[in-house]
């Protein structure tokens, strides 16, 4: 896993670089250096996962209870956009159902 993917995953859960670094006990500069690598160490992944409350498998693409993350298939940003689009679609479906009910009442 590359550092950018891990950084985006943490950011989407409210952990910016400074907060994340402080939470895992390293400097922000050290964290930035580690996340700049194409292949991060498993120990860093495990520490970050523990801090943000998920398992390393969740970050790699396992199921989570509050996300549709599919890391490895698309970027975390793409997955966040997908989640938002799915929520908007659900809202529109509900709205359409209410409109159909109103129209059916008017046609009776």
C-alpha atoms as a PDB file:
ATOM      1  CA  UNK A   1       0.000   0.000   0.000  1.00  0.00           C
ATOM      2  CA  UNK A   2       1.265   3.460  -0.764  1.00  0.00           C
ATOM      3  CA  UNK A   3       1.350   6.262   1.744  1.00  0.00           C
ATOM      4  CA  UNK A   4      -1.002   8.521  -0.206  1.00  0.00           C
ATOM      5  CA  UNK A   5      -3.799   5.946   0.030  1.00  0.00           C
ATOM      6  CA  UNK A   6      -3.307   5.592   3.778  1.00  0.00           C
ATOM      7  CA  UNK A   7      -3.150   9.367   4.240  1.00  0.00           C
ATOM      8  CA  UNK A   8      -6.406   9.853   2.315  1.00  0.00           C
ATOM      9  CA  UNK A   9      -8.108   7.064   4.242  1.00  0.00           C
ATOM     10  CA  UNK A  10      -7.155   8.679   7.566  1.00  0.00           C
ATOM     11  CA  UNK A  11      -8.095  12.149   6.306  1.00  0.00           C
ATOM     12  CA  UNK A  12     -11.564  10.912   5.322  1.00  0.00           C
ATOM     13  CA  UNK A  13     -12.001   9.840   8.934  1.00  0.00           C
ATOM     14  CA  UNK A  14     -11.049  13.224  10.344  1.00  0.00           C
ATOM     15  CA  UNK A  15      -7.334  12.671  10.933  1.00  0.00           C
ATOM     16  CA  UNK A  16      -5.145  15.297   9.322  1.00  0.00           C
ATOM     17  CA  UNK A  17      -1.382  14.861   9.263  1.00  0.00           C
ATOM     18  CA  UNK A  18      -0.728  16.677  12.557  1.00  0.00           C
ATOM     19  CA  UNK A  19      -3.471  14.886  14.504  1.00  0.00           C
ATOM     20  CA  UNK A  20      -2.529  11.498  13.095  1.00  0.00           C
ATOM     21  CA  UNK A  21       1.175  11.985  13.832  1.00  0.00           C
ATOM     22  CA  UNK A  22       0.461  13.039  17.424  1.00  0.00           C
ATOM     23  CA  UNK A  23      -1.899  10.082  17.892  1.00  0.00           C
ATOM     24  CA  UNK A  24       0.714   7.530  16.821  1.00  0.00           C
ATOM     25  CA  UNK A  25       3.516   9.263  18.699  1.00  0.00           C
ATOM     26  CA  UNK A  26       5.716  10.618  15.928  1.00  0.00           C
ATOM     27  CA  UNK A  27       6.356  14.044  14.479  1.00  0.00           C
ATOM     28  CA  UNK A  28       4.319  15.387  11.618  1.00  0.00           C
ATOM     29  CA  UNK A  29       7.497  15.620   9.528  1.00  0.00           C
ATOM     30  CA  UNK A  30       8.361  11.973  10.221  1.00  0.00           C
ATOM     31  CA  UNK A  31       4.852  10.888   9.273  1.00  0.00           C
ATOM     32  CA  UNK A  32       5.007  12.897   6.046  1.00  0.00           C
ATOM     33  CA  UNK A  33       8.283  11.205   5.134  1.00  0.00           C
ATOM     34  CA  UNK A  34       6.857   7.747   5.799  1.00  0.00           C
ATOM     35  CA  UNK A  35       3.674   8.478   3.851  1.00  0.00           C
ATOM     36  CA  UNK A  36       5.691   9.750   0.878  1.00  0.00           C
ATOM     37  CA  UNK A  37       6.850   6.206   0.157  1.00  0.00           C
ATOM     38  CA  UNK A  38       5.317   3.989  -2.491  1.00  0.00           C
ATOM     39  CA  UNK A  39       5.232   1.038  -0.105  1.00  0.00           C
ATOM     40  CA  UNK A  40       4.658   1.812   3.558  1.00  0.00           C
ATOM     41  CA  UNK A  41       5.680  -0.444   6.422  1.00  0.00           C
ATOM     42  CA  UNK A  42       3.082  -2.794   7.863  1.00  0.00           C
ATOM     43  CA  UNK A  43       3.843  -1.495  11.346  1.00  0.00           C
ATOM     44  CA  UNK A  44       2.823   2.029  10.288  1.00  0.00           C
ATOM     45  CA  UNK A  45      -0.366   0.718   8.693  1.00  0.00           C
ATOM     46  CA  UNK A  46      -1.230  -1.178  11.883  1.00  0.00           C
ATOM     47  CA  UNK A  47      -0.585   1.855  14.099  1.00  0.00           C
ATOM     48  CA  UNK A  48      -2.674   4.161  11.921  1.00  0.00           C
ATOM     49  CA  UNK A  49      -5.491   1.619  11.702  1.00  0.00           C
ATOM     50  CA  UNK A  50      -5.567   1.270  15.486  1.00  0.00           C
ATOM     51  CA  UNK A  51      -5.734   5.052  15.961  1.00  0.00           C
ATOM     52  CA  UNK A  52      -8.548   5.620  13.472  1.00  0.00           C
ATOM     53  CA  UNK A  53     -10.503   2.626  14.771  1.00  0.00           C
ATOM     54  CA  UNK A  54     -10.376   0.202  11.857  1.00  0.00           C
ATOM     55  CA  UNK A  55      -8.426  -2.910  10.999  1.00  0.00           C
ATOM     56  CA  UNK A  56      -5.656  -2.974   8.402  1.00  0.00           C
ATOM     57  CA  UNK A  57      -7.954  -5.215   6.340  1.00  0.00           C
ATOM     58  CA  UNK A  58     -10.558  -2.430   6.305  1.00  0.00           C
ATOM     59  CA  UNK A  59      -8.003  -0.072   4.809  1.00  0.00           C
ATOM     60  CA  UNK A  60      -6.966  -2.655   2.223  1.00  0.00           C
ATOM     61  CA  UNK A  61     -10.565  -3.016   1.142  1.00  0.00           C
ATOM     62  CA  UNK A  62     -12.438  -5.093   3.682  1.00  0.00           C
ATOM     63  CA  UNK A  63     -15.916  -4.119   4.732  1.00  0.00           C
ATOM     64  CA  UNK A  64     -16.488  -1.346   7.234  1.00  0.00           C
ATOM     65  CA  UNK A  65     -19.654  -0.413   8.997  1.00  0.00           C
ATOM     66  CA  UNK A  66     -19.536   3.251   8.042  1.00  0.00           C
ATOM     67  CA  UNK A  67     -17.898   3.298   4.645  1.00  0.00           C
ATOM     68  CA  UNK A  68     -17.942   1.866   1.167  1.00  0.00           C
ATOM     69  CA  UNK A  69     -14.184   1.954   0.933  1.00  0.00           C
ATOM     70  CA  UNK A  70     -12.786  -0.178  -1.842  1.00  0.00           C
ATOM     71  CA  UNK A  71      -9.116   0.642  -1.603  1.00  0.00           C
ATOM     72  CA  UNK A  72      -7.211  -1.064  -4.380  1.00  0.00           C
ATOM     73  CA  UNK A  73     -10.081  -0.748  -6.830  1.00  0.00           C
ATOM     74  CA  UNK A  74     -10.319   3.034  -6.689  1.00  0.00           C
ATOM     75  CA  UNK A  75      -8.903   5.837  -4.673  1.00  0.00           C
ATOM     76  CA  UNK A  76     -10.342   6.749  -1.294  1.00  0.00           C
ATOM     77  CA  UNK A  77     -11.468  10.048  -2.783  1.00  0.00           C
ATOM     78  CA  UNK A  78     -13.366   8.187  -5.511  1.00  0.00           C
ATOM     79  CA  UNK A  79     -14.957   5.977  -2.888  1.00  0.00           C
ATOM     80  CA  UNK A  80     -15.975   8.977  -0.785  1.00  0.00           C
ATOM     81  CA  UNK A  81     -17.584  10.454  -3.891  1.00  0.00           C
ATOM     82  CA  UNK A  82     -19.340   7.142  -4.547  1.00  0.00           C
ATOM     83  CA  UNK A  83     -20.673   7.096  -0.978  1.00  0.00           C
ATOM     84  CA  UNK A  84     -21.988  10.639  -1.374  1.00  0.00           C
ATOM     85  CA  UNK A  85     -23.633   9.784  -4.714  1.00  0.00           C
ATOM     86  CA  UNK A  86     -25.282   6.713  -3.190  1.00  0.00           C
ATOM     87  CA  UNK A  87     -26.681   8.821  -0.342  1.00  0.00           C
ATOM     88  CA  UNK A  88     -27.992  11.382  -2.820  1.00  0.00           C
ATOM     89  CA  UNK A  89     -29.602   8.622  -4.902  1.00  0.00           C
ATOM     90  CA  UNK A  90     -31.316   7.227  -1.811  1.00  0.00           C
ATOM     91  CA  UNK A  91     -32.649  10.708  -0.997  1.00  0.00           C
ATOM     92  CA  UNK A  92     -33.954  11.150  -4.561  1.00  0.00           C
ATOM     93  CA  UNK A  93     -35.629   7.744  -4.530  1.00  0.00           C
ATOM     94  CA  UNK A  94     -37.429   8.661  -1.297  1.00  0.00           C
ATOM     95  CA  UNK A  95     -38.467  12.002  -2.756  1.00  0.00           C
ATOM     96  CA  UNK A  96     -39.764  10.326  -5.932  1.00  0.00           C
ATOM     97  CA  UNK A  97     -41.773   7.852  -3.872  1.00  0.00           C
ATOM     98  CA  UNK A  98     -43.477  10.700  -2.028  1.00  0.00           C
ATOM     99  CA  UNK A  99     -44.260  12.482  -5.309  1.00  0.00           C
ATOM    100  CA  UNK A 100     -45.727   9.309  -6.820  1.00  0.00           C
ATOM    101  CA  UNK A 101     -47.950   8.892  -3.752  1.00  0.00           C
ATOM    102  CA  UNK A 102     -49.196  12.487  -4.096  1.00  0.00           C
ATOM    103  CA  UNK A 103     -49.917  12.018  -7.815  1.00  0.00           C
ATOM    104  CA  UNK A 104     -51.770   8.776  -7.152  1.00  0.00           C
ATOM    105  CA  UNK A 105     -53.964  10.529  -4.549  1.00  0.00           C
ATOM    106  CA  UNK A 106     -54.705  13.344  -7.013  1.00  0.00           C
ATOM    107  CA  UNK A 107     -55.728  10.853  -9.726  1.00  0.00           C
ATOM    108  CA  UNK A 108     -58.307   9.115  -7.525  1.00  0.00           C
END
